[in-house]
Amino acid sequence: MAYKKLKFDYLMEYGDEIELLSDGLSLRRVRSRTGRAINTLRKLRAMFLM
């Protein structure tokens, strides 16, 4: 059985990234500030902002 993170786990681990995305920063700017992968940021944006 595969492990699947809960939404709460994403919120705890990627709180700074979610906050920056919700402030309106682009994926590219958040990537340059935090070092997270673009696909991870896309996933976070889809989960929490759309």
PDB file of N, CA and C in Angstrom:
ATOM      1  N   MET A   1       0.847  -1.170   0.000  1.00  0.00           N
ATOM      2  CA  MET A   1       0.000   0.000   0.000  1.00  0.00           C
ATOM      3  C   MET A   1       0.899   1.243   0.000  1.00  0.00           C
ATOM      4  N   ALA A   2       0.597   2.167  -0.849  1.00  0.00           N
ATOM      5  CA  ALA A   2       1.410   3.380  -0.997  1.00  0.00           C
ATOM      6  C   ALA A   2       1.037   4.407   0.072  1.00  0.00           C
ATOM      7  N   TYR A   3       2.017   5.200   0.416  1.00  0.00           N
ATOM      8  CA  TYR A   3       1.799   6.279   1.380  1.00  0.00           C
ATOM      9  C   TYR A   3       1.320   7.517   0.645  1.00  0.00           C
ATOM     10  N   LYS A   4       0.269   8.128   1.160  1.00  0.00           N
ATOM     11  CA  LYS A   4      -0.243   9.357   0.569  1.00  0.00           C
ATOM     12  C   LYS A   4      -0.311  10.414   1.659  1.00  0.00           C
ATOM     13  N   LYS A   5       0.314  11.553   1.394  1.00  0.00           N
ATOM     14  CA  LYS A   5       0.300  12.634   2.378  1.00  0.00           C
ATOM     15  C   LYS A   5      -1.101  13.230   2.490  1.00  0.00           C
ATOM     16  N   LEU A   6      -1.433  13.628   3.681  1.00  0.00           N
ATOM     17  CA  LEU A   6      -2.686  14.337   3.909  1.00  0.00           C
ATOM     18  C   LEU A   6      -2.490  15.815   3.603  1.00  0.00           C
ATOM     19  N   LYS A   7      -3.586  16.497   3.391  1.00  0.00           N
ATOM     20  CA  LYS A   7      -3.514  17.926   3.100  1.00  0.00           C
ATOM     21  C   LYS A   7      -2.828  18.676   4.246  1.00  0.00           C
ATOM     22  N   PHE A   8      -3.075  18.242   5.462  1.00  0.00           N
ATOM     23  CA  PHE A   8      -2.453  18.854   6.629  1.00  0.00           C
ATOM     24  C   PHE A   8      -0.928  18.718   6.585  1.00  0.00           C
ATOM     25  N   ASP A   9      -0.446  17.561   6.132  1.00  0.00           N
ATOM     26  CA  ASP A   9       1.003  17.343   6.024  1.00  0.00           C
ATOM     27  C   ASP A   9       1.634  18.307   5.032  1.00  0.00           C
ATOM     28  N   TYR A  10       0.944  18.527   3.899  1.00  0.00           N
ATOM     29  CA  TYR A  10       1.445  19.495   2.922  1.00  0.00           C
ATOM     30  C   TYR A  10       1.479  20.891   3.529  1.00  0.00           C
ATOM     31  N   LEU A  11       0.445  21.229   4.280  1.00  0.00           N
ATOM     32  CA  LEU A  11       0.373  22.550   4.904  1.00  0.00           C
ATOM     33  C   LEU A  11       1.509  22.755   5.897  1.00  0.00           C
ATOM     34  N   MET A  12       1.840  21.735   6.657  1.00  0.00           N
ATOM     35  CA  MET A  12       2.918  21.846   7.635  1.00  0.00           C
ATOM     36  C   MET A  12       4.283  21.914   6.961  1.00  0.00           C
ATOM     37  N   GLU A  13       4.479  21.130   5.924  1.00  0.00           N
ATOM     38  CA  GLU A  13       5.792  21.050   5.287  1.00  0.00           C
ATOM     39  C   GLU A  13       6.064  22.213   4.341  1.00  0.00           C
ATOM     40  N   TYR A  14       5.023  22.707   3.671  1.00  0.00           N
ATOM     41  CA  TYR A  14       5.204  23.719   2.632  1.00  0.00           C
ATOM     42  C   TYR A  14       4.468  25.024   2.966  1.00  0.00           C
ATOM     43  N   GLY A  15       4.364  25.358   4.222  1.00  0.00           N
ATOM     44  CA  GLY A  15       3.622  26.541   4.642  1.00  0.00           C
ATOM     45  C   GLY A  15       4.142  27.839   4.034  1.00  0.00           C
ATOM     46  N   ASP A  16       5.455  27.994   3.992  1.00  0.00           N
ATOM     47  CA  ASP A  16       6.046  29.210   3.431  1.00  0.00           C
ATOM     48  C   ASP A  16       5.727  29.341   1.947  1.00  0.00           C
ATOM     49  N   GLU A  17       5.827  28.241   1.235  1.00  0.00           N
ATOM     50  CA  GLU A  17       5.551  28.264  -0.196  1.00  0.00           C
ATOM     51  C   GLU A  17       4.092  28.588  -0.472  1.00  0.00           C
ATOM     52  N   ILE A  18       3.189  28.013   0.307  1.00  0.00           N
ATOM     53  CA  ILE A  18       1.760  28.274   0.131  1.00  0.00           C
ATOM     54  C   ILE A  18       1.458  29.742   0.411  1.00  0.00           C
ATOM     55  N   GLU A  19       2.091  30.288   1.433  1.00  0.00           N
ATOM     56  CA  GLU A  19       1.884  31.701   1.762  1.00  0.00           C
ATOM     57  C   GLU A  19       2.374  32.612   0.635  1.00  0.00           C
ATOM     58  N   LEU A  20       3.535  32.322   0.083  1.00  0.00           N
ATOM     59  CA  LEU A  20       4.059  33.138  -1.013  1.00  0.00           C
ATOM     60  C   LEU A  20       3.165  33.042  -2.247  1.00  0.00           C
ATOM     61  N   LEU A  21       2.679  31.847  -2.546  1.00  0.00           N
ATOM     62  CA  LEU A  21       1.784  31.687  -3.694  1.00  0.00           C
ATOM     63  C   LEU A  21       0.465  32.427  -3.476  1.00  0.00           C
ATOM     64  N   SER A  22      -0.038  32.399  -2.252  1.00  0.00           N
ATOM     65  CA  SER A  22      -1.296  33.087  -1.975  1.00  0.00           C
ATOM     66  C   SER A  22      -1.130  34.602  -1.989  1.00  0.00           C
ATOM     67  N   ASP A  23       0.104  35.077  -1.793  1.00  0.00           N
ATOM     68  CA  ASP A  23       0.368  36.514  -1.889  1.00  0.00           C
ATOM     69  C   ASP A  23       0.433  36.997  -3.332  1.00  0.00           C
ATOM     70  N   GLY A  24       0.386  36.056  -4.270  1.00  0.00           N
ATOM     71  CA  GLY A  24       0.351  36.428  -5.675  1.00  0.00           C
ATOM     72  C   GLY A  24       1.669  36.308  -6.408  1.00  0.00           C
ATOM     73  N   LEU A  25       2.694  35.763  -5.770  1.00  0.00           N
ATOM     74  CA  LEU A  25       3.975  35.583  -6.449  1.00  0.00           C
ATOM     75  C   LEU A  25       3.860  34.481  -7.496  1.00  0.00           C
ATOM     76  N   SER A  26       4.611  34.626  -8.550  1.00  0.00           N
ATOM     77  CA  SER A  26       4.589  33.626  -9.619  1.00  0.00           C
ATOM     78  C   SER A  26       5.343  32.377  -9.176  1.00  0.00           C
ATOM     79  N   LEU A  27       5.110  31.297  -9.906  1.00  0.00           N
ATOM     80  CA  LEU A  27       5.814  30.049  -9.611  1.00  0.00           C
ATOM     81  C   LEU A  27       7.316  30.248  -9.711  1.00  0.00           C
ATOM     82  N   ARG A  28       7.744  30.993 -10.713  1.00  0.00           N
ATOM     83  CA  ARG A  28       9.178  31.223 -10.917  1.00  0.00           C
ATOM     84  C   ARG A  28       9.789  31.978  -9.736  1.00  0.00           C
ATOM     85  N   ARG A  29       9.089  32.978  -9.230  1.00  0.00           N
ATOM     86  CA  ARG A  29       9.641  33.749  -8.090  1.00  0.00           C
ATOM     87  C   ARG A  29       9.676  32.929  -6.810  1.00  0.00           C
ATOM     88  N   VAL A  30       8.619  32.153  -6.585  1.00  0.00           N
ATOM     89  CA  VAL A  30       8.614  31.290  -5.397  1.00  0.00           C
ATOM     90  C   VAL A  30       9.727  30.252  -5.510  1.00  0.00           C
ATOM     91  N   ARG A  31       9.929  29.737  -6.706  1.00  0.00           N
ATOM     92  CA  ARG A  31      11.001  28.760  -6.948  1.00  0.00           C
ATOM     93  C   ARG A  31      12.367  29.353  -6.633  1.00  0.00           C
ATOM     94  N   SER A  32      12.585  30.597  -7.055  1.00  0.00           N
ATOM     95  CA  SER A  32      13.894  31.210  -6.824  1.00  0.00           C
ATOM     96  C   SER A  32      14.112  31.536  -5.347  1.00  0.00           C
ATOM     97  N   ARG A  33      13.046  31.800  -4.618  1.00  0.00           N
ATOM     98  CA  ARG A  33      13.190  32.124  -3.190  1.00  0.00           C
ATOM     99  C   ARG A  33      13.328  30.897  -2.309  1.00  0.00           C
ATOM    100  N   THR A  34      12.591  29.823  -2.647  1.00  0.00           N
ATOM    101  CA  THR A  34      12.539  28.674  -1.746  1.00  0.00           C
ATOM    102  C   THR A  34      13.342  27.473  -2.224  1.00  0.00           C
ATOM    103  N   GLY A  35      13.572  27.368  -3.534  1.00  0.00           N
ATOM    104  CA  GLY A  35      14.305  26.229  -4.056  1.00  0.00           C
ATOM    105  C   GLY A  35      13.450  25.006  -4.307  1.00  0.00           C
ATOM    106  N   ARG A  36      12.155  25.108  -4.141  1.00  0.00           N
ATOM    107  CA  ARG A  36      11.261  23.971  -4.396  1.00  0.00           C
ATOM    108  C   ARG A  36      11.064  23.776  -5.894  1.00  0.00           C
ATOM    109  N   ALA A  37      10.767  22.557  -6.287  1.00  0.00           N
ATOM    110  CA  ALA A  37      10.548  22.228  -7.693  1.00  0.00           C
ATOM    111  C   ALA A  37       9.253  22.872  -8.193  1.00  0.00           C
ATOM    112  N   ILE A  38       9.258  23.243  -9.466  1.00  0.00           N
ATOM    113  CA  ILE A  38       8.085  23.882 -10.074  1.00  0.00           C
ATOM    114  C   ILE A  38       6.864  22.970  -9.994  1.00  0.00           C
ATOM    115  N   ASN A  39       7.043  21.669 -10.245  1.00  0.00           N
ATOM    116  CA  ASN A  39       5.898  20.758 -10.193  1.00  0.00           C
ATOM    117  C   ASN A  39       5.320  20.651  -8.783  1.00  0.00           C
ATOM    118  N   THR A  40       6.150  20.728  -7.777  1.00  0.00           N
ATOM    119  CA  THR A  40       5.662  20.734  -6.398  1.00  0.00           C
ATOM    120  C   THR A  40       4.840  21.994  -6.146  1.00  0.00           C
ATOM    121  N   LEU A  41       5.329  23.129  -6.631  1.00  0.00           N
ATOM    122  CA  LEU A  41       4.600  24.387  -6.443  1.00  0.00           C
ATOM    123  C   LEU A  41       3.281  24.369  -7.202  1.00  0.00           C
ATOM    124  N   ARG A  42       3.264  23.764  -8.372  1.00  0.00           N
ATOM    125  CA  ARG A  42       2.009  23.636  -9.129  1.00  0.00           C
ATOM    126  C   ARG A  42       1.003  22.800  -8.354  1.00  0.00           C
ATOM    127  N   LYS A  43       1.480  21.733  -7.763  1.00  0.00           N
ATOM    128  CA  LYS A  43       0.614  20.859  -6.976  1.00  0.00           C
ATOM    129  C   LYS A  43       0.038  21.612  -5.775  1.00  0.00           C
ATOM    130  N   LEU A  44       0.888  22.379  -5.105  1.00  0.00           N
ATOM    131  CA  LEU A  44       0.427  23.158  -3.947  1.00  0.00           C
ATOM    132  C   LEU A  44      -0.598  24.203  -4.365  1.00  0.00           C
ATOM    133  N   ARG A  45      -0.342  24.868  -5.479  1.00  0.00           N
ATOM    134  CA  ARG A  45      -1.278  25.895  -5.969  1.00  0.00           C
ATOM    135  C   ARG A  45      -2.625  25.256  -6.284  1.00  0.00           C
ATOM    136  N   ALA A  46      -2.612  24.105  -6.895  1.00  0.00           N
ATOM    137  CA  ALA A  46      -3.854  23.413  -7.236  1.00  0.00           C
ATOM    138  C   ALA A  46      -4.606  22.950  -5.981  1.00  0.00           C
ATOM    139  N   MET A  47      -3.867  22.509  -4.967  1.00  0.00           N
ATOM    140  CA  MET A  47      -4.491  22.003  -3.750  1.00  0.00           C
ATOM    141  C   MET A  47      -5.085  23.108  -2.880  1.00  0.00           C
ATOM    142  N   PHE A  48      -4.385  24.228  -2.772  1.00  0.00           N
ATOM    143  CA  PHE A  48      -4.763  25.223  -1.778  1.00  0.00           C
ATOM    144  C   PHE A  48      -5.337  26.521  -2.336  1.00  0.00           C
ATOM    145  N   LEU A  49      -5.113  26.818  -3.593  1.00  0.00           N
ATOM    146  CA  LEU A  49      -5.510  28.127  -4.095  1.00  0.00           C
ATOM    147  C   LEU A  49      -6.562  28.075  -5.187  1.00  0.00           C
ATOM    148  N   MET A  50      -6.836  26.906  -5.730  1.00  0.00           N
ATOM    149  CA  MET A  50      -7.823  26.829  -6.803  1.00  0.00           C
ATOM    150  C   MET A  50      -9.044  26.074  -6.384  1.00  0.00           C
TER     151      MET A  50
END
